[in-house]
């Protein structure tokens, strides 16, 4: 299992919206590290979080990767559709390959 901060950072994309919330998703570098995604495991719930907190384990055909939060703040949304359909993370479509939404507090 890969559990390095730099690997986690490379595996994520971050996009702010007009309200200042940060949507965090699974990037191409992450897909290359793990291979086709087979399962996920959430390590957090909605609420306050700290920088570097592990928030998800993504399991793929080649490797597993622990993702860590690139910011502190408050998690306001989790993409819970991924619980039943983790293979959505295999797509480059940011509208389905997002993981969570975080606001700065």
PDB file of N, CA and C in Angstrom:
ATOM      1  N   UNK A   1       0.846  -1.181   0.000  1.00  0.00           N
ATOM      2  CA  UNK A   1       0.000   0.000   0.000  1.00  0.00           C
ATOM      3  C   UNK A   1       0.889   1.240   0.000  1.00  0.00           C
ATOM      4  N   UNK A   2       0.516   2.199  -0.813  1.00  0.00           N
ATOM      5  CA  UNK A   2       1.229   3.474  -0.877  1.00  0.00           C
ATOM      6  C   UNK A   2       0.598   4.421   0.137  1.00  0.00           C
ATOM      7  N   UNK A   3       1.402   4.926   1.049  1.00  0.00           N
ATOM      8  CA  UNK A   3       0.923   5.874   2.052  1.00  0.00           C
ATOM      9  C   UNK A   3       1.966   6.978   2.212  1.00  0.00           C
ATOM     10  N   UNK A   4       2.208   7.693   1.119  1.00  0.00           N
ATOM     11  CA  UNK A   4       3.156   8.811   1.123  1.00  0.00           C
ATOM     12  C   UNK A   4       2.398  10.076   0.754  1.00  0.00           C
ATOM     13  N   UNK A   5       2.706  11.160   1.445  1.00  0.00           N
ATOM     14  CA  UNK A   5       2.017  12.427   1.207  1.00  0.00           C
ATOM     15  C   UNK A   5       2.170  12.870  -0.243  1.00  0.00           C
ATOM     16  N   UNK A   6       3.370  12.747  -0.805  1.00  0.00           N
ATOM     17  CA  UNK A   6       3.572  13.214  -2.181  1.00  0.00           C
ATOM     18  C   UNK A   6       2.785  12.381  -3.187  1.00  0.00           C
ATOM     19  N   UNK A   7       2.630  11.090  -2.946  1.00  0.00           N
ATOM     20  CA  UNK A   7       1.828  10.259  -3.845  1.00  0.00           C
ATOM     21  C   UNK A   7       0.364  10.666  -3.761  1.00  0.00           C
ATOM     22  N   UNK A   8      -0.102  10.947  -2.559  1.00  0.00           N
ATOM     23  CA  UNK A   8      -1.478  11.390  -2.365  1.00  0.00           C
ATOM     24  C   UNK A   8      -1.720  12.715  -3.081  1.00  0.00           C
ATOM     25  N   UNK A   9      -0.793  13.659  -2.940  1.00  0.00           N
ATOM     26  CA  UNK A   9      -0.948  14.970  -3.577  1.00  0.00           C
ATOM     27  C   UNK A   9      -0.998  14.849  -5.089  1.00  0.00           C
ATOM     28  N   UNK A  10      -0.160  14.008  -5.662  1.00  0.00           N
ATOM     29  CA  UNK A  10      -0.151  13.806  -7.117  1.00  0.00           C
ATOM     30  C   UNK A  10      -1.427  13.146  -7.624  1.00  0.00           C
ATOM     31  N   UNK A  11      -2.119  12.429  -6.753  1.00  0.00           N
ATOM     32  CA  UNK A  11      -3.310  11.679  -7.152  1.00  0.00           C
ATOM     33  C   UNK A  11      -4.590  12.506  -7.097  1.00  0.00           C
ATOM     34  N   UNK A  12      -4.478  13.776  -6.685  1.00  0.00           N
ATOM     35  CA  UNK A  12      -5.675  14.594  -6.486  1.00  0.00           C
ATOM     36  C   UNK A  12      -5.715  15.801  -7.410  1.00  0.00           C
ATOM     37  N   UNK A  13      -6.928  16.219  -7.761  1.00  0.00           N
ATOM     38  CA  UNK A  13      -7.144  17.529  -8.376  1.00  0.00           C
ATOM     39  C   UNK A  13      -8.011  18.329  -7.411  1.00  0.00           C
ATOM     40  N   UNK A  14      -7.862  19.649  -7.440  1.00  0.00           N
ATOM     41  CA  UNK A  14      -8.619  20.546  -6.558  1.00  0.00           C
ATOM     42  C   UNK A  14      -9.171  21.685  -7.404  1.00  0.00           C
ATOM     43  N   UNK A  15     -10.476  21.923  -7.276  1.00  0.00           N
ATOM     44  CA  UNK A  15     -11.125  22.998  -8.013  1.00  0.00           C
ATOM     45  C   UNK A  15     -12.003  23.810  -7.064  1.00  0.00           C
ATOM     46  N   UNK A  16     -11.734  25.117  -6.925  1.00  0.00           N
ATOM     47  CA  UNK A  16     -12.604  25.951  -6.100  1.00  0.00           C
ATOM     48  C   UNK A  16     -13.876  26.324  -6.873  1.00  0.00           C
ATOM     49  N   UNK A  17     -14.979  26.502  -6.155  1.00  0.00           N
ATOM     50  CA  UNK A  17     -16.189  26.987  -6.825  1.00  0.00           C
ATOM     51  C   UNK A  17     -16.428  28.441  -6.420  1.00  0.00           C
ATOM     52  N   UNK A  18     -17.526  29.004  -6.887  1.00  0.00           N
ATOM     53  CA  UNK A  18     -17.803  30.420  -6.659  1.00  0.00           C
ATOM     54  C   UNK A  18     -18.047  30.757  -5.190  1.00  0.00           C
ATOM     55  N   UNK A  19     -18.376  29.764  -4.363  1.00  0.00           N
ATOM     56  CA  UNK A  19     -18.609  30.007  -2.932  1.00  0.00           C
ATOM     57  C   UNK A  19     -17.332  29.878  -2.109  1.00  0.00           C
ATOM     58  N   UNK A  20     -16.261  29.415  -2.732  1.00  0.00           N
ATOM     59  CA  UNK A  20     -15.007  29.211  -2.015  1.00  0.00           C
ATOM     60  C   UNK A  20     -14.793  27.782  -1.562  1.00  0.00           C
ATOM     61  N   UNK A  21     -15.779  26.927  -1.788  1.00  0.00           N
ATOM     62  CA  UNK A  21     -15.615  25.503  -1.449  1.00  0.00           C
ATOM     63  C   UNK A  21     -14.631  24.869  -2.431  1.00  0.00           C
ATOM     64  N   UNK A  22     -13.849  23.926  -1.934  1.00  0.00           N
ATOM     65  CA  UNK A  22     -12.884  23.206  -2.758  1.00  0.00           C
ATOM     66  C   UNK A  22     -13.406  21.805  -3.038  1.00  0.00           C
ATOM     67  N   UNK A  23     -13.590  21.490  -4.310  1.00  0.00           N
ATOM     68  CA  UNK A  23     -13.969  20.137  -4.690  1.00  0.00           C
ATOM     69  C   UNK A  23     -12.670  19.385  -4.971  1.00  0.00           C
ATOM     70  N   UNK A  24     -12.515  18.226  -4.355  1.00  0.00           N
ATOM     71  CA  UNK A  24     -11.310  17.419  -4.495  1.00  0.00           C
ATOM     72  C   UNK A  24     -11.686  16.129  -5.207  1.00  0.00           C
ATOM     73  N   UNK A  25     -10.888  15.787  -6.216  1.00  0.00           N
ATOM     74  CA  UNK A  25     -11.187  14.595  -7.003  1.00  0.00           C
ATOM     75  C   UNK A  25      -9.956  13.746  -7.264  1.00  0.00           C
ATOM     76  N   UNK A  26     -10.185  12.624  -7.929  1.00  0.00           N
ATOM     77  CA  UNK A  26      -9.144  11.647  -8.230  1.00  0.00           C
ATOM     78  C   UNK A  26      -8.575  11.935  -9.611  1.00  0.00           C
ATOM     79  N   UNK A  27      -7.274  12.177  -9.675  1.00  0.00           N
ATOM     80  CA  UNK A  27      -6.606  12.613 -10.901  1.00  0.00           C
ATOM     81  C   UNK A  27      -5.968  11.448 -11.660  1.00  0.00           C
ATOM     82  N   UNK A  28      -5.535  11.750 -12.885  1.00  0.00           N
ATOM     83  CA  UNK A  28      -4.904  10.749 -13.747  1.00  0.00           C
ATOM     84  C   UNK A  28      -3.692  10.094 -13.096  1.00  0.00           C
ATOM     85  N   UNK A  29      -2.887  10.865 -12.359  1.00  0.00           N
ATOM     86  CA  UNK A  29      -1.711  10.278 -11.702  1.00  0.00           C
ATOM     87  C   UNK A  29      -2.116   9.193 -10.712  1.00  0.00           C
ATOM     88  N   UNK A  30      -3.224   9.380 -10.035  1.00  0.00           N
ATOM     89  CA  UNK A  30      -3.737   8.365  -9.118  1.00  0.00           C
ATOM     90  C   UNK A  30      -4.156   7.114  -9.861  1.00  0.00           C
ATOM     91  N   UNK A  31      -4.817   7.303 -10.993  1.00  0.00           N
ATOM     92  CA  UNK A  31      -5.241   6.157 -11.798  1.00  0.00           C
ATOM     93  C   UNK A  31      -4.034   5.342 -12.270  1.00  0.00           C
ATOM     94  N   UNK A  32      -2.966   6.043 -12.625  1.00  0.00           N
ATOM     95  CA  UNK A  32      -1.751   5.352 -13.063  1.00  0.00           C
ATOM     96  C   UNK A  32      -1.115   4.577 -11.913  1.00  0.00           C
ATOM     97  N   UNK A  33      -1.169   5.110 -10.704  1.00  0.00           N
ATOM     98  CA  UNK A  33      -0.579   4.436  -9.546  1.00  0.00           C
ATOM     99  C   UNK A  33      -1.316   3.157  -9.164  1.00  0.00           C
ATOM    100  N   UNK A  34      -2.632   3.221  -9.136  1.00  0.00           N
ATOM    101  CA  UNK A  34      -3.402   2.083  -8.614  1.00  0.00           C
ATOM    102  C   UNK A  34      -3.922   1.133  -9.688  1.00  0.00           C
ATOM    103  N   UNK A  35      -3.983   1.592 -10.932  1.00  0.00           N
ATOM    104  CA  UNK A  35      -4.627   0.782 -11.970  1.00  0.00           C
ATOM    105  C   UNK A  35      -6.131   0.926 -11.842  1.00  0.00           C
ATOM    106  N   UNK A  36      -6.881   0.111 -12.548  1.00  0.00           N
ATOM    107  CA  UNK A  36      -8.344   0.208 -12.453  1.00  0.00           C
ATOM    108  C   UNK A  36      -8.818   0.067 -10.999  1.00  0.00           C
ATOM    109  N   UNK A  37      -9.658   1.002 -10.575  1.00  0.00           N
ATOM    110  CA  UNK A  37     -10.155   1.033  -9.198  1.00  0.00           C
ATOM    111  C   UNK A  37     -11.159  -0.096  -8.990  1.00  0.00           C
ATOM    112  N   UNK A  38     -10.975  -0.812  -7.870  1.00  0.00           N
ATOM    113  CA  UNK A  38     -11.867  -1.931  -7.548  1.00  0.00           C
ATOM    114  C   UNK A  38     -12.679  -1.690  -6.276  1.00  0.00           C
ATOM    115  N   UNK A  39     -12.164  -0.830  -5.367  1.00  0.00           N
ATOM    116  CA  UNK A  39     -12.867  -0.590  -4.098  1.00  0.00           C
ATOM    117  C   UNK A  39     -12.341   0.697  -3.473  1.00  0.00           C
ATOM    118  N   UNK A  40     -13.173   1.274  -2.592  1.00  0.00           N
ATOM    119  CA  UNK A  40     -12.756   2.441  -1.808  1.00  0.00           C
ATOM    120  C   UNK A  40     -13.156   2.214  -0.360  1.00  0.00           C
ATOM    121  N   UNK A  41     -12.498   2.963   0.522  1.00  0.00           N
ATOM    122  CA  UNK A  41     -12.856   2.940   1.939  1.00  0.00           C
ATOM    123  C   UNK A  41     -12.726   4.358   2.471  1.00  0.00           C
ATOM    124  N   UNK A  42     -13.838   4.917   2.965  1.00  0.00           N
ATOM    125  CA  UNK A  42     -13.807   6.249   3.573  1.00  0.00           C
ATOM    126  C   UNK A  42     -13.188   6.152   4.954  1.00  0.00           C
ATOM    127  N   UNK A  43     -12.330   7.110   5.296  1.00  0.00           N
ATOM    128  CA  UNK A  43     -11.691   7.151   6.609  1.00  0.00           C
ATOM    129  C   UNK A  43     -12.159   8.350   7.427  1.00  0.00           C
ATOM    130  N   UNK A  44     -13.061   9.171   6.868  1.00  0.00           N
ATOM    131  CA  UNK A  44     -13.573  10.368   7.547  1.00  0.00           C
ATOM    132  C   UNK A  44     -15.088  10.448   7.364  1.00  0.00           C
ATOM    133  N   UNK A  45     -15.685  11.380   8.085  1.00  0.00           N
ATOM    134  CA  UNK A  45     -17.101  11.717   7.927  1.00  0.00           C
ATOM    135  C   UNK A  45     -17.181  13.231   7.711  1.00  0.00           C
ATOM    136  N   UNK A  46     -18.386  13.746   7.532  1.00  0.00           N
ATOM    137  CA  UNK A  46     -18.576  15.190   7.413  1.00  0.00           C
ATOM    138  C   UNK A  46     -18.133  15.867   8.698  1.00  0.00           C
ATOM    139  N   UNK A  47     -17.563  17.061   8.549  1.00  0.00           N
ATOM    140  CA  UNK A  47     -17.147  17.816   9.726  1.00  0.00           C
ATOM    141  C   UNK A  47     -15.730  18.330   9.596  1.00  0.00           C
ATOM    142  N   UNK A  48     -15.181  18.862  10.699  1.00  0.00           N
ATOM    143  CA  UNK A  48     -13.852  19.465  10.670  1.00  0.00           C
ATOM    144  C   UNK A  48     -12.760  18.433  10.433  1.00  0.00           C
ATOM    145  N   UNK A  49     -11.726  18.841   9.673  1.00  0.00           N
ATOM    146  CA  UNK A  49     -10.577  17.977   9.377  1.00  0.00           C
ATOM    147  C   UNK A  49      -9.301  18.814   9.381  1.00  0.00           C
ATOM    148  N   UNK A  50      -8.187  18.133   9.548  1.00  0.00           N
ATOM    149  CA  UNK A  50      -6.889  18.805   9.560  1.00  0.00           C
ATOM    150  C   UNK A  50      -6.093  18.446   8.318  1.00  0.00           C
ATOM    151  N   UNK A  51      -5.189  19.321   7.947  1.00  0.00           N
ATOM    152  CA  UNK A  51      -4.270  19.094   6.849  1.00  0.00           C
ATOM    153  C   UNK A  51      -3.541  17.767   7.059  1.00  0.00           C
ATOM    154  N   UNK A  52      -3.476  16.957   6.002  1.00  0.00           N
ATOM    155  CA  UNK A  52      -2.748  15.694   6.059  1.00  0.00           C
ATOM    156  C   UNK A  52      -3.529  14.518   6.612  1.00  0.00           C
ATOM    157  N   UNK A  53      -4.768  14.752   7.041  1.00  0.00           N
ATOM    158  CA  UNK A  53      -5.587  13.663   7.570  1.00  0.00           C
ATOM    159  C   UNK A  53      -5.877  12.642   6.467  1.00  0.00           C
ATOM    160  N   UNK A  54      -5.637  11.351   6.718  1.00  0.00           N
ATOM    161  CA  UNK A  54      -6.030  10.336   5.732  1.00  0.00           C
ATOM    162  C   UNK A  54      -7.555  10.333   5.602  1.00  0.00           C
ATOM    163  N   UNK A  55      -8.058  10.422   4.361  1.00  0.00           N
ATOM    164  CA  UNK A  55      -9.511  10.469   4.205  1.00  0.00           C
ATOM    165  C   UNK A  55     -10.082   9.317   3.398  1.00  0.00           C
ATOM    166  N   UNK A  56      -9.260   8.609   2.635  1.00  0.00           N
ATOM    167  CA  UNK A  56      -9.790   7.523   1.816  1.00  0.00           C
ATOM    168  C   UNK A  56      -8.668   6.571   1.425  1.00  0.00           C
ATOM    169  N   UNK A  57      -9.014   5.302   1.318  1.00  0.00           N
ATOM    170  CA  UNK A  57      -8.120   4.316   0.714  1.00  0.00           C
ATOM    171  C   UNK A  57      -8.767   3.904  -0.599  1.00  0.00           C
ATOM    172  N   UNK A  58      -8.001   4.013  -1.669  1.00  0.00           N
ATOM    173  CA  UNK A  58      -8.466   3.568  -2.982  1.00  0.00           C
ATOM    174  C   UNK A  58      -7.693   2.308  -3.332  1.00  0.00           C
ATOM    175  N   UNK A  59      -8.422   1.246  -3.599  1.00  0.00           N
ATOM    176  CA  UNK A  59      -7.804  -0.021  -3.976  1.00  0.00           C
ATOM    177  C   UNK A  59      -7.981  -0.229  -5.475  1.00  0.00           C
ATOM    178  N   UNK A  60      -6.876  -0.565  -6.114  1.00  0.00           N
ATOM    179  CA  UNK A  60      -6.906  -0.838  -7.541  1.00  0.00           C
ATOM    180  C   UNK A  60      -6.329  -2.212  -7.838  1.00  0.00           C
ATOM    181  N   UNK A  61      -6.337  -2.569  -9.100  1.00  0.00           N
ATOM    182  CA  UNK A  61      -5.816  -3.872  -9.504  1.00  0.00           C
ATOM    183  C   UNK A  61      -4.311  -3.982  -9.278  1.00  0.00           C
ATOM    184  N   UNK A  62      -3.586  -2.837  -9.286  1.00  0.00           N
ATOM    185  CA  UNK A  62      -2.133  -2.864  -9.126  1.00  0.00           C
ATOM    186  C   UNK A  62      -1.665  -2.512  -7.721  1.00  0.00           C
ATOM    187  N   UNK A  63      -2.376  -1.620  -7.040  1.00  0.00           N
ATOM    188  CA  UNK A  63      -1.888  -1.063  -5.784  1.00  0.00           C
ATOM    189  C   UNK A  63      -3.045  -0.446  -5.013  1.00  0.00           C
ATOM    190  N   UNK A  64      -2.819  -0.178  -3.736  1.00  0.00           N
ATOM    191  CA  UNK A  64      -3.750   0.597  -2.914  1.00  0.00           C
ATOM    192  C   UNK A  64      -3.062   1.896  -2.529  1.00  0.00           C
ATOM    193  N   UNK A  65      -3.854   2.948  -2.385  1.00  0.00           N
ATOM    194  CA  UNK A  65      -3.312   4.274  -2.108  1.00  0.00           C
ATOM    195  C   UNK A  65      -4.133   4.943  -1.025  1.00  0.00           C
ATOM    196  N   UNK A  66      -3.470   5.420   0.024  1.00  0.00           N
ATOM    197  CA  UNK A  66      -4.136   6.213   1.060  1.00  0.00           C
ATOM    198  C   UNK A  66      -4.057   7.679   0.658  1.00  0.00           C
ATOM    199  N   UNK A  67      -5.218   8.305   0.531  1.00  0.00           N
ATOM    200  CA  UNK A  67      -5.286   9.723   0.176  1.00  0.00           C
ATOM    201  C   UNK A  67      -5.369  10.564   1.434  1.00  0.00           C
ATOM    202  N   UNK A  68      -4.646  11.694   1.423  1.00  0.00           N
ATOM    203  CA  UNK A  68      -4.605  12.602   2.573  1.00  0.00           C
ATOM    204  C   UNK A  68      -5.104  13.980   2.147  1.00  0.00           C
ATOM    205  N   UNK A  69      -5.755  14.662   3.063  1.00  0.00           N
ATOM    206  CA  UNK A  69      -6.330  15.975   2.765  1.00  0.00           C
ATOM    207  C   UNK A  69      -5.248  17.017   2.510  1.00  0.00           C
ATOM    208  N   UNK A  70      -5.376  17.753   1.393  1.00  0.00           N
ATOM    209  CA  UNK A  70      -4.389  18.794   1.082  1.00  0.00           C
ATOM    210  C   UNK A  70      -4.650  20.109   1.801  1.00  0.00           C
ATOM    211  N   UNK A  71      -5.761  20.211   2.539  1.00  0.00           N
ATOM    212  CA  UNK A  71      -6.142  21.425   3.257  1.00  0.00           C
ATOM    213  C   UNK A  71      -6.825  21.044   4.566  1.00  0.00           C
ATOM    214  N   UNK A  72      -6.835  21.958   5.502  1.00  0.00           N
ATOM    215  CA  UNK A  72      -7.694  21.800   6.674  1.00  0.00           C
ATOM    216  C   UNK A  72      -8.995  22.533   6.379  1.00  0.00           C
ATOM    217  N   UNK A  73     -10.012  22.263   7.153  1.00  0.00           N
ATOM    218  CA  UNK A  73     -11.300  22.908   6.954  1.00  0.00           C
ATOM    219  C   UNK A  73     -12.431  22.038   7.444  1.00  0.00           C
ATOM    220  N   UNK A  74     -13.567  22.130   6.756  1.00  0.00           N
ATOM    221  CA  UNK A  74     -14.732  21.324   7.113  1.00  0.00           C
ATOM    222  C   UNK A  74     -15.244  20.615   5.863  1.00  0.00           C
ATOM    223  N   UNK A  75     -15.350  19.297   5.948  1.00  0.00           N
ATOM    224  CA  UNK A  75     -15.894  18.511   4.848  1.00  0.00           C
ATOM    225  C   UNK A  75     -17.405  18.681   4.858  1.00  0.00           C
ATOM    226  N   UNK A  76     -17.955  19.156   3.725  1.00  0.00           N
ATOM    227  CA  UNK A  76     -19.392  19.410   3.633  1.00  0.00           C
ATOM    228  C   UNK A  76     -20.118  18.384   2.771  1.00  0.00           C
ATOM    229  N   UNK A  77     -19.386  17.693   1.891  1.00  0.00           N
ATOM    230  CA  UNK A  77     -19.994  16.684   1.026  1.00  0.00           C
ATOM    231  C   UNK A  77     -19.000  15.561   0.780  1.00  0.00           C
ATOM    232  N   UNK A  78     -19.509  14.337   0.747  1.00  0.00           N
ATOM    233  CA  UNK A  78     -18.757  13.165   0.318  1.00  0.00           C
ATOM    234  C   UNK A  78     -19.488  12.561  -0.872  1.00  0.00           C
ATOM    235  N   UNK A  79     -18.761  12.094  -1.858  1.00  0.00           N
ATOM    236  CA  UNK A  79     -19.387  11.446  -3.014  1.00  0.00           C
ATOM    237  C   UNK A  79     -19.690   9.992  -2.634  1.00  0.00           C
ATOM    238  N   UNK A  80     -20.807   9.805  -1.938  1.00  0.00           N
ATOM    239  CA  UNK A  80     -21.151   8.480  -1.429  1.00  0.00           C
ATOM    240  C   UNK A  80     -21.587   7.509  -2.531  1.00  0.00           C
ATOM    241  N   UNK A  81     -21.820   8.007  -3.740  1.00  0.00           N
ATOM    242  CA  UNK A  81     -22.107   7.100  -4.864  1.00  0.00           C
ATOM    243  C   UNK A  81     -20.948   6.150  -5.103  1.00  0.00           C
ATOM    244  N   UNK A  82     -19.749   6.575  -4.723  1.00  0.00           N
ATOM    245  CA  UNK A  82     -18.568   5.753  -4.922  1.00  0.00           C
ATOM    246  C   UNK A  82     -18.592   4.491  -4.075  1.00  0.00           C
ATOM    247  N   UNK A  83     -19.370   4.490  -2.992  1.00  0.00           N
ATOM    248  CA  UNK A  83     -19.465   3.287  -2.156  1.00  0.00           C
ATOM    249  C   UNK A  83     -19.964   2.094  -2.966  1.00  0.00           C
ATOM    250  N   UNK A  84     -20.964   2.323  -3.816  1.00  0.00           N
ATOM    251  CA  UNK A  84     -21.524   1.252  -4.634  1.00  0.00           C
ATOM    252  C   UNK A  84     -20.878   1.171  -6.014  1.00  0.00           C
ATOM    253  N   UNK A  85     -20.273   2.266  -6.473  1.00  0.00           N
ATOM    254  CA  UNK A  85     -19.698   2.303  -7.820  1.00  0.00           C
ATOM    255  C   UNK A  85     -18.291   2.910  -7.811  1.00  0.00           C
ATOM    256  N   UNK A  86     -17.324   2.242  -7.152  1.00  0.00           N
ATOM    257  CA  UNK A  86     -15.971   2.803  -7.099  1.00  0.00           C
ATOM    258  C   UNK A  86     -15.311   2.902  -8.475  1.00  0.00           C
ATOM    259  N   UNK A  87     -15.795   2.117  -9.424  1.00  0.00           N
ATOM    260  CA  UNK A  87     -15.238   2.148 -10.779  1.00  0.00           C
ATOM    261  C   UNK A  87     -15.459   3.493 -11.471  1.00  0.00           C
ATOM    262  N   UNK A  88     -16.337   4.344 -10.922  1.00  0.00           N
ATOM    263  CA  UNK A  88     -16.511   5.689 -11.480  1.00  0.00           C
ATOM    264  C   UNK A  88     -15.200   6.473 -11.441  1.00  0.00           C
ATOM    265  N   UNK A  89     -14.321   6.125 -10.526  1.00  0.00           N
ATOM    266  CA  UNK A  89     -13.034   6.814 -10.423  1.00  0.00           C
ATOM    267  C   UNK A  89     -12.087   6.470 -11.568  1.00  0.00           C
ATOM    268  N   UNK A  90     -12.444   5.501 -12.387  1.00  0.00           N
ATOM    269  CA  UNK A  90     -11.620   5.147 -13.540  1.00  0.00           C
ATOM    270  C   UNK A  90     -11.817   6.116 -14.699  1.00  0.00           C
ATOM    271  N   UNK A  91     -12.793   7.006 -14.580  1.00  0.00           N
ATOM    272  CA  UNK A  91     -13.132   7.934 -15.660  1.00  0.00           C
ATOM    273  C   UNK A  91     -12.505   9.301 -15.420  1.00  0.00           C
ATOM    274  N   UNK A  92     -12.225   9.988 -16.489  1.00  0.00           N
ATOM    275  CA  UNK A  92     -11.630  11.327 -16.400  1.00  0.00           C
ATOM    276  C   UNK A  92     -12.694  12.411 -16.261  1.00  0.00           C
ATOM    277  N   UNK A  93     -13.922  12.038 -16.119  1.00  0.00           N
ATOM    278  CA  UNK A  93     -15.031  12.979 -15.999  1.00  0.00           C
ATOM    279  C   UNK A  93     -15.091  13.521 -14.567  1.00  0.00           C
ATOM    280  N   UNK A  94     -14.711  14.789 -14.379  1.00  0.00           N
ATOM    281  CA  UNK A  94     -14.670  15.377 -13.042  1.00  0.00           C
ATOM    282  C   UNK A  94     -16.037  15.423 -12.369  1.00  0.00           C
ATOM    283  N   UNK A  95     -17.105  15.357 -13.134  1.00  0.00           N
ATOM    284  CA  UNK A  95     -18.432  15.402 -12.524  1.00  0.00           C
ATOM    285  C   UNK A  95     -18.760  14.090 -11.799  1.00  0.00           C
ATOM    286  N   UNK A  96     -18.052  13.005 -12.095  1.00  0.00           N
ATOM    287  CA  UNK A  96     -18.288  11.740 -11.380  1.00  0.00           C
ATOM    288  C   UNK A  96     -17.059  11.264 -10.599  1.00  0.00           C
ATOM    289  N   UNK A  97     -15.859  11.761 -10.936  1.00  0.00           N
ATOM    290  CA  UNK A  97     -14.631  11.306 -10.278  1.00  0.00           C
ATOM    291  C   UNK A  97     -14.222  12.215  -9.118  1.00  0.00           C
ATOM    292  N   UNK A  98     -15.187  12.944  -8.560  1.00  0.00           N
ATOM    293  CA  UNK A  98     -14.878  13.784  -7.405  1.00  0.00           C
ATOM    294  C   UNK A  98     -15.048  12.957  -6.134  1.00  0.00           C
ATOM    295  N   UNK A  99     -14.342  13.364  -5.096  1.00  0.00           N
ATOM    296  CA  UNK A  99     -14.336  12.610  -3.843  1.00  0.00           C
ATOM    297  C   UNK A  99     -15.085  13.340  -2.732  1.00  0.00           C
ATOM    298  N   UNK A 100     -14.752  14.615  -2.532  1.00  0.00           N
ATOM    299  CA  UNK A 100     -15.372  15.355  -1.440  1.00  0.00           C
ATOM    300  C   UNK A 100     -15.318  16.842  -1.703  1.00  0.00           C
ATOM    301  N   UNK A 101     -16.066  17.566  -0.878  1.00  0.00           N
ATOM    302  CA  UNK A 101     -16.050  19.027  -0.934  1.00  0.00           C
ATOM    303  C   UNK A 101     -15.658  19.530   0.454  1.00  0.00           C
ATOM    304  N   UNK A 102     -14.781  20.534   0.467  1.00  0.00           N
ATOM    305  CA  UNK A 102     -14.202  21.043   1.709  1.00  0.00           C
ATOM    306  C   UNK A 102     -14.266  22.565   1.697  1.00  0.00           C
ATOM    307  N   UNK A 103     -14.626  23.155   2.833  1.00  0.00           N
ATOM    308  CA  UNK A 103     -14.580  24.606   2.940  1.00  0.00           C
ATOM    309  C   UNK A 103     -13.568  25.007   4.012  1.00  0.00           C
ATOM    310  N   UNK A 104     -12.918  26.138   3.804  1.00  0.00           N
ATOM    311  CA  UNK A 104     -11.933  26.656   4.741  1.00  0.00           C
ATOM    312  C   UNK A 104     -12.661  27.323   5.896  1.00  0.00           C
ATOM    313  N   UNK A 105     -12.210  27.042   7.082  1.00  0.00           N
ATOM    314  CA  UNK A 105     -12.833  27.671   8.265  1.00  0.00           C
ATOM    315  C   UNK A 105     -11.820  28.431   9.059  1.00  0.00           C
TER     316      UNK A 105
END
